[in-house]
Amino acid sequence: MPYGITIKHDRGGKRLELQCAHQSGLLYVVPGPASWVCNEEHLHAHALAGFFKDLAGLQNPQVKELMQRWGIYFRERPVEPEEAAPTS
């Protein structure tokens, strides 16, 4: 597995392979109660953005401290429409 983030499209979900010289892990994203609105192609983006939005919204000092320890910050942004494919 190469270093970085590799997204594998599994049946019914996504597998994100995370690896560098010091850490390695797998993150599985499968359909859940809050992700039914999104198509399978973008399921991982929908689930992760929603998860971090909810996690940051907890305003839990332990969560905030842990995220800061790892240098992870999340800011919700307005949803932009998907760009349409150019037509000939």
C-alpha atoms as a PDB file:
ATOM      1  CA  MET A   1       0.000   0.000   0.000  1.00  0.00           C
ATOM      2  CA  PRO A   2       1.522   3.357  -0.981  1.00  0.00           C
ATOM      3  CA  TYR A   3       1.871   6.244   1.470  1.00  0.00           C
ATOM      4  CA  GLY A   4      -1.022   8.689   1.574  1.00  0.00           C
ATOM      5  CA  ILE A   5      -4.757   8.094   1.291  1.00  0.00           C
ATOM      6  CA  THR A   6      -6.035   5.498  -1.157  1.00  0.00           C
ATOM      7  CA  ILE A   7      -9.790   5.177  -1.707  1.00  0.00           C
ATOM      8  CA  LYS A   8     -11.017   1.691  -2.589  1.00  0.00           C
ATOM      9  CA  HIS A   9     -14.539   1.273  -3.915  1.00  0.00           C
ATOM     10  CA  ASP A  10     -15.995  -1.790  -2.233  1.00  0.00           C
ATOM     11  CA  ARG A  11     -19.440  -3.192  -2.811  1.00  0.00           C
ATOM     12  CA  GLY A  12     -21.764  -1.229  -0.554  1.00  0.00           C
ATOM     13  CA  GLY A  13     -19.195   1.255   0.728  1.00  0.00           C
ATOM     14  CA  LYS A  14     -15.697   2.681   0.594  1.00  0.00           C
ATOM     15  CA  ARG A  15     -12.435   1.734   2.244  1.00  0.00           C
ATOM     16  CA  LEU A  16      -9.903   4.493   2.860  1.00  0.00           C
ATOM     17  CA  GLU A  17      -6.377   3.205   3.306  1.00  0.00           C
ATOM     18  CA  LEU A  18      -4.291   5.620   5.373  1.00  0.00           C
ATOM     19  CA  GLN A  19      -0.538   5.175   5.589  1.00  0.00           C
ATOM     20  CA  CYS A  20       2.700   7.043   6.178  1.00  0.00           C
ATOM     21  CA  ALA A  21       6.071   6.010   7.567  1.00  0.00           C
ATOM     22  CA  HIS A  22       4.714   6.243  11.139  1.00  0.00           C
ATOM     23  CA  GLN A  23       1.020   5.271  11.060  1.00  0.00           C
ATOM     24  CA  SER A  24      -1.216   2.921   9.091  1.00  0.00           C
ATOM     25  CA  GLY A  25      -4.925   2.150   9.226  1.00  0.00           C
ATOM     26  CA  LEU A  26      -8.144   1.472   7.343  1.00  0.00           C
ATOM     27  CA  LEU A  27     -11.270   3.587   7.556  1.00  0.00           C
ATOM     28  CA  TYR A  28     -14.482   1.917   6.394  1.00  0.00           C
ATOM     29  CA  VAL A  29     -17.432   4.035   5.240  1.00  0.00           C
ATOM     30  CA  VAL A  30     -20.707   2.192   4.652  1.00  0.00           C
ATOM     31  CA  PRO A  31     -24.281   3.444   4.285  1.00  0.00           C
ATOM     32  CA  GLY A  32     -25.776   4.597   7.571  1.00  0.00           C
ATOM     33  CA  PRO A  33     -28.949   6.285   8.799  1.00  0.00           C
ATOM     34  CA  ALA A  34     -27.565   9.782   8.082  1.00  0.00           C
ATOM     35  CA  SER A  35     -26.062   8.979   4.681  1.00  0.00           C
ATOM     36  CA  TRP A  36     -29.088   7.714   2.760  1.00  0.00           C
ATOM     37  CA  VAL A  37     -29.450  11.041   0.896  1.00  0.00           C
ATOM     38  CA  CYS A  38     -26.089  10.771  -0.877  1.00  0.00           C
ATOM     39  CA  ASN A  39     -25.207   8.617  -3.870  1.00  0.00           C
ATOM     40  CA  GLU A  40     -22.728   5.779  -3.496  1.00  0.00           C
ATOM     41  CA  GLU A  41     -20.025   7.627  -5.445  1.00  0.00           C
ATOM     42  CA  HIS A  42     -19.828  10.411  -2.859  1.00  0.00           C
ATOM     43  CA  LEU A  43     -20.802   8.424   0.241  1.00  0.00           C
ATOM     44  CA  HIS A  44     -17.375   8.759   1.869  1.00  0.00           C
ATOM     45  CA  ALA A  45     -17.259  12.556   1.463  1.00  0.00           C
ATOM     46  CA  HIS A  46     -20.810  12.912   2.777  1.00  0.00           C
ATOM     47  CA  ALA A  47     -20.219  10.671   5.787  1.00  0.00           C
ATOM     48  CA  LEU A  48     -16.889  12.209   6.778  1.00  0.00           C
ATOM     49  CA  ALA A  49     -18.072  15.825   6.417  1.00  0.00           C
ATOM     50  CA  GLY A  50     -21.214  15.023   8.410  1.00  0.00           C
ATOM     51  CA  PHE A  51     -19.265  13.132  11.059  1.00  0.00           C
ATOM     52  CA  PHE A  52     -16.773  15.947  11.609  1.00  0.00           C
ATOM     53  CA  LYS A  53     -19.586  18.533  11.613  1.00  0.00           C
ATOM     54  CA  ASP A  54     -21.393  16.588  14.351  1.00  0.00           C
ATOM     55  CA  LEU A  55     -18.184  15.858  16.255  1.00  0.00           C
ATOM     56  CA  ALA A  56     -17.101  19.505  16.278  1.00  0.00           C
ATOM     57  CA  GLY A  57     -20.645  20.517  17.210  1.00  0.00           C
ATOM     58  CA  LEU A  58     -20.414  18.530  20.439  1.00  0.00           C
ATOM     59  CA  GLN A  59     -18.098  21.232  21.807  1.00  0.00           C
ATOM     60  CA  ASN A  60     -16.526  18.580  24.007  1.00  0.00           C
ATOM     61  CA  PRO A  61     -13.176  19.706  25.468  1.00  0.00           C
ATOM     62  CA  GLN A  62     -11.732  16.184  25.163  1.00  0.00           C
ATOM     63  CA  VAL A  63     -12.673  15.969  21.483  1.00  0.00           C
ATOM     64  CA  LYS A  64     -11.285  19.453  20.832  1.00  0.00           C
ATOM     65  CA  GLU A  65      -8.034  18.586  22.612  1.00  0.00           C
ATOM     66  CA  LEU A  66      -7.651  15.321  20.694  1.00  0.00           C
ATOM     67  CA  MET A  67      -8.272  17.009  17.353  1.00  0.00           C
ATOM     68  CA  GLN A  68      -5.759  19.739  18.210  1.00  0.00           C
ATOM     69  CA  ARG A  69      -3.222  17.101  19.276  1.00  0.00           C
ATOM     70  CA  TRP A  70      -3.368  15.649  15.762  1.00  0.00           C
ATOM     71  CA  GLY A  71      -3.678  19.010  14.022  1.00  0.00           C
ATOM     72  CA  ILE A  72      -7.186  18.300  12.728  1.00  0.00           C
ATOM     73  CA  TYR A  73      -9.578  21.205  12.379  1.00  0.00           C
ATOM     74  CA  PHE A  74     -12.973  21.170  10.701  1.00  0.00           C
ATOM     75  CA  ARG A  75     -14.968  24.078   9.351  1.00  0.00           C
ATOM     76  CA  GLU A  76     -18.318  23.598   7.667  1.00  0.00           C
ATOM     77  CA  ARG A  77     -18.669  25.323   4.286  1.00  0.00           C
ATOM     78  CA  PRO A  78     -21.676  26.089   2.096  1.00  0.00           C
ATOM     79  CA  VAL A  79     -22.584  23.282  -0.286  1.00  0.00           C
ATOM     80  CA  GLU A  80     -21.716  24.147  -3.883  1.00  0.00           C
ATOM     81  CA  PRO A  81     -23.590  22.581  -6.804  1.00  0.00           C
ATOM     82  CA  GLU A  82     -21.738  19.831  -8.616  1.00  0.00           C
ATOM     83  CA  GLU A  83     -20.271  20.995 -11.895  1.00  0.00           C
ATOM     84  CA  ALA A  84     -22.012  19.478 -14.886  1.00  0.00           C
ATOM     85  CA  ALA A  85     -19.950  17.606 -17.459  1.00  0.00           C
ATOM     86  CA  PRO A  86     -19.286  19.720 -20.573  1.00  0.00           C
ATOM     87  CA  THR A  87     -21.656  19.034 -23.437  1.00  0.00           C
ATOM     88  CA  SER A  88     -20.492  18.819 -27.044  1.00  0.00           C
END
